[in-house]
Protein backbone atom coordinates (compact mmCIF):
# COMPACT_ATOMS: atom_id res chain seq x y z
CA MET A 1 213.11 -1.21 17.78
CA ALA A 2 214.98 2.11 17.54
CA SER A 3 214.70 4.57 20.35
CA LEU A 4 213.32 8.02 19.79
CA ASP A 5 216.74 9.56 20.47
CA ASN A 6 218.28 7.73 17.52
CA ALA A 7 215.47 8.52 15.10
CA GLU A 8 216.32 10.45 11.95
CA ASP A 9 214.98 13.90 11.34
CA ILE A 10 212.41 13.74 8.60
CA ALA A 11 211.57 16.89 6.73
CA LEU A 12 207.90 17.00 5.87
CA ASP A 13 206.84 19.04 2.89
CA PHE A 14 203.48 20.34 4.01
CA GLY A 15 201.28 21.26 1.09
CA ALA A 16 202.99 18.91 -1.37
CA GLU A 17 200.19 16.42 -0.86
CA ASP A 18 197.87 18.96 -2.47
CA GLU A 19 199.97 19.44 -5.64
CA TRP A 20 197.48 17.36 -7.61
CA ARG A 21 194.77 19.93 -6.83
CA LYS A 22 196.62 22.66 -8.73
CA GLN A 23 196.37 20.72 -12.00
CA ARG A 24 192.59 20.27 -11.92
CA SER A 25 189.97 22.68 -13.23
CA VAL A 26 187.86 22.07 -10.10
CA ARG A 27 190.19 21.57 -7.15
CA TYR A 28 187.41 21.11 -4.60
CA PRO A 29 184.68 19.09 -6.33
CA LEU A 30 182.84 18.28 -3.10
CA ALA A 31 182.62 21.97 -2.19
CA ALA A 32 181.39 22.79 -5.71
CA VAL A 33 178.72 20.09 -5.51
CA PHE A 34 177.44 21.26 -2.13
CA HIS A 35 177.57 24.87 -3.31
CA LEU A 36 174.90 23.98 -5.87
CA LEU A 37 173.16 21.03 -4.20
CA PHE A 38 171.33 22.78 -1.34
CA LYS A 39 170.15 25.60 -3.66
CA ILE A 40 168.81 23.19 -6.26
CA PHE A 41 167.05 21.02 -3.67
CA ALA A 42 165.45 24.03 -1.94
CA LEU A 43 164.12 25.40 -5.23
CA PHE A 44 163.03 21.96 -6.45
CA PHE A 45 161.16 21.01 -3.29
CA PHE A 46 159.45 24.39 -3.05
CA ILE A 47 158.26 24.27 -6.67
CA LEU A 48 157.23 20.62 -6.41
CA PHE A 49 155.33 20.92 -3.13
CA ASN A 50 153.83 24.31 -4.01
CA PHE A 51 152.11 22.95 -7.09
CA GLN A 52 151.44 19.47 -5.69
CA PRO A 53 150.97 20.08 -1.94
CA PHE A 54 150.83 16.44 -0.85
CA LEU A 55 153.37 17.06 1.90
CA GLY A 56 151.58 20.05 3.42
CA PHE A 57 152.72 23.58 4.08
CA ILE A 58 154.41 23.04 7.45
CA SER A 59 156.50 20.08 6.31
CA THR A 60 157.45 21.89 3.10
CA PHE A 61 158.31 25.03 5.06
CA VAL A 62 160.56 23.13 7.48
CA LEU A 63 162.28 21.18 4.68
CA VAL A 64 162.92 24.20 2.45
CA VAL A 65 164.03 26.47 5.30
CA LEU A 66 166.41 23.76 6.52
CA LEU A 67 167.89 23.48 3.00
CA LEU A 68 168.15 27.27 2.74
CA ALA A 69 169.92 27.47 6.09
CA LEU A 70 172.35 24.71 5.09
CA ASP A 71 172.99 26.52 1.82
CA PHE A 72 173.57 29.86 3.55
CA TRP A 73 176.00 28.36 6.07
CA THR A 74 177.87 26.29 3.46
CA VAL A 75 178.32 29.19 1.06
CA LYS A 76 179.27 31.69 3.76
CA ASN A 77 181.71 29.49 5.67
CA ILE A 78 183.09 26.91 3.26
CA THR A 79 182.58 27.29 -0.47
CA GLY A 80 183.36 31.00 -0.66
CA ARG A 81 186.69 30.44 1.05
CA LEU A 82 187.63 27.33 -0.93
CA LEU A 83 186.34 28.20 -4.41
CA VAL A 84 187.14 31.93 -4.70
CA GLY A 85 189.06 32.84 -1.55
CA LEU A 86 186.45 35.26 -0.15
CA ARG A 87 184.97 35.44 3.34
CA TRP A 88 182.62 37.80 5.18
CA TRP A 89 181.12 37.95 8.63
CA ASN A 90 179.73 40.30 11.23
CA HIS A 91 181.73 41.15 14.36
CA VAL A 92 180.11 42.69 17.43
CA ASP A 93 182.40 44.67 19.78
CA GLU A 94 182.15 44.70 23.56
CA ASP A 95 180.31 48.03 23.37
CA GLY A 96 177.67 46.45 21.13
CA SER A 97 178.67 48.10 17.86
CA SER A 98 178.46 45.89 14.81
CA HIS A 99 181.26 45.71 12.22
CA TRP A 100 181.09 43.89 8.91
CA VAL A 101 184.35 42.23 7.93
CA PHE A 102 185.09 41.40 4.29
CA GLU A 103 188.21 39.36 3.50
CA SER A 104 189.79 38.12 0.33
CA ARG A 105 192.74 35.93 -0.51
CA LYS A 106 195.94 37.88 -1.12
CA ALA A 107 196.79 38.50 -4.76
CA GLY A 108 200.19 36.80 -4.51
CA SER A 109 198.85 33.75 -2.70
CA LYS A 110 200.02 30.32 -3.82
CA THR A 111 196.48 28.99 -4.06
CA GLN A 112 194.48 30.84 -6.70
CA GLU A 113 191.02 29.83 -7.80
CA THR A 114 190.46 28.36 -11.23
CA SER A 115 188.13 29.93 -13.76
CA THR A 116 185.80 26.91 -13.56
CA GLU A 117 185.53 27.19 -9.78
CA SER A 118 184.94 30.92 -10.04
CA ARG A 119 182.23 30.43 -12.65
CA ILE A 120 180.50 27.74 -10.58
CA PHE A 121 180.63 29.92 -7.48
CA TRP A 122 179.33 33.14 -9.06
CA LEU A 123 176.62 31.46 -11.16
CA GLY A 124 175.49 29.55 -8.07
CA LEU A 125 175.38 32.83 -6.18
CA VAL A 126 173.64 35.03 -8.79
CA ILE A 127 170.99 32.74 -10.30
CA PRO A 128 169.11 31.65 -7.11
CA PRO A 129 168.15 35.20 -6.00
CA ILE A 130 166.73 35.77 -9.48
CA LEU A 131 164.74 32.55 -9.31
CA TRP A 132 163.49 33.31 -5.78
CA PHE A 133 162.48 36.79 -6.96
CA ILE A 134 160.42 35.24 -9.77
CA LEU A 135 158.88 32.80 -7.28
CA VAL A 136 157.90 35.69 -5.00
CA PHE A 137 155.81 37.13 -7.81
CA SER A 138 154.42 33.75 -8.82
CA THR A 139 153.13 33.12 -5.29
CA MET A 140 151.95 36.68 -4.70
CA PHE A 141 148.31 35.58 -4.84
CA ASN A 142 148.88 32.68 -2.46
CA PRO A 143 149.95 34.45 0.76
CA THR A 144 150.41 31.20 2.68
CA TRP A 145 153.25 30.09 0.40
CA LEU A 146 154.72 33.59 -0.04
CA LEU A 147 156.84 33.36 3.12
CA ILE A 148 159.12 30.63 1.72
CA PRO A 149 160.30 32.50 -1.42
CA ILE A 150 160.76 35.67 0.64
CA LEU A 151 163.06 33.74 2.99
CA GLY A 152 164.87 32.18 0.02
CA LEU A 153 165.31 35.58 -1.59
CA SER A 154 166.58 37.23 1.59
CA LEU A 155 169.11 34.49 2.44
CA SER A 156 170.45 34.11 -1.09
CA PHE A 157 170.59 37.87 -1.65
CA SER A 158 172.44 38.46 1.64
CA ASN A 159 175.13 35.96 0.60
CA LEU A 160 175.34 37.60 -2.83
CA TYR A 161 175.64 41.06 -1.26
CA GLY A 162 178.33 39.91 1.17
CA TYR A 163 180.44 38.34 -1.55
CA LEU A 164 180.03 41.31 -3.87
CA ARG A 165 181.31 43.52 -1.05
CA CYS A 166 184.25 41.12 -0.58
CA LYS A 167 185.04 41.25 -4.28
CA ALA A 168 184.80 45.04 -4.37
CA GLY A 169 186.93 45.31 -1.24
CA ALA A 170 189.57 43.04 -2.80
CA LYS A 171 189.78 45.24 -5.90
CA GLN A 172 189.93 48.37 -3.76
CA GLN A 173 192.70 46.86 -1.61
CA LEU A 174 194.57 45.81 -4.74
CA SER A 175 194.37 49.29 -6.26
CA SER A 176 195.42 50.94 -2.97
CA PHE A 177 198.31 48.47 -2.71
CA ALA A 178 199.37 49.26 -6.28
CA THR A 179 199.16 53.00 -5.59
CA GLN A 180 201.14 52.61 -2.38
CA PHE A 181 203.77 50.47 -4.13
CA LEU A 182 204.08 52.97 -6.98
CA GLY A 183 204.48 55.82 -4.48
CA GLN A 184 207.19 53.91 -2.62
CA GLN A 185 209.05 53.21 -5.86
CA LEU A 186 208.92 56.89 -6.87
CA MET A 187 210.16 57.98 -3.43
CA MET A 188 212.99 55.43 -3.59
CA LYS A 189 213.97 56.58 -7.08
CA ALA A 190 213.90 60.25 -6.02
CA SER A 191 216.00 59.56 -2.91
CA ASN A 192 218.51 57.52 -4.97
CA ASP A 193 218.75 60.35 -7.52
CA MET A 194 219.30 62.91 -4.75
CA PHE A 195 221.90 60.69 -3.10
CA SER A 196 223.79 60.15 -6.37
CA GLN A 197 223.76 63.91 -7.13
CA ALA A 198 225.11 64.70 -3.65
CA GLN A 199 228.19 62.55 -4.26
């Protein structure tokens, strides 16, 4: 058995184990599945138990709200970061002031999302608020069941709003970066021209 002092240095190539992900149209299939799974189950169970209330309101409410909460947490913390490189959260300072933080993956990053992942993410984010909005109006005359689609609409719309702000912030940062880069290039060119004329 060789001692640790005589051991060879081994260079580990971190990230090379994920090279196979770059060649796939969906690099994170489990994240994509869970991005859609909780939404589909929440909508399915609400529609099923609303029209055939054999489970009862309280059990349906608990089941659907649990699925909505799992969906909200998964989208906000996992699938947004993995599938499209966006993240948002709320930060409260020591003085009690609230700040919303919207982040996006850098444009020159090695890991870019695929078009399939982006399509799955945005369709899974846009369609559920529309469906919950329709369900709000379909249960308008049944006030007992109205609370569930209102909760579904508010949670899915808040995730949609947060990610739209992230996307808009990323484009704004990209345009400000491009403007700043162009300004730096013009200043460098002008200073080089002035320096060459001085000689």
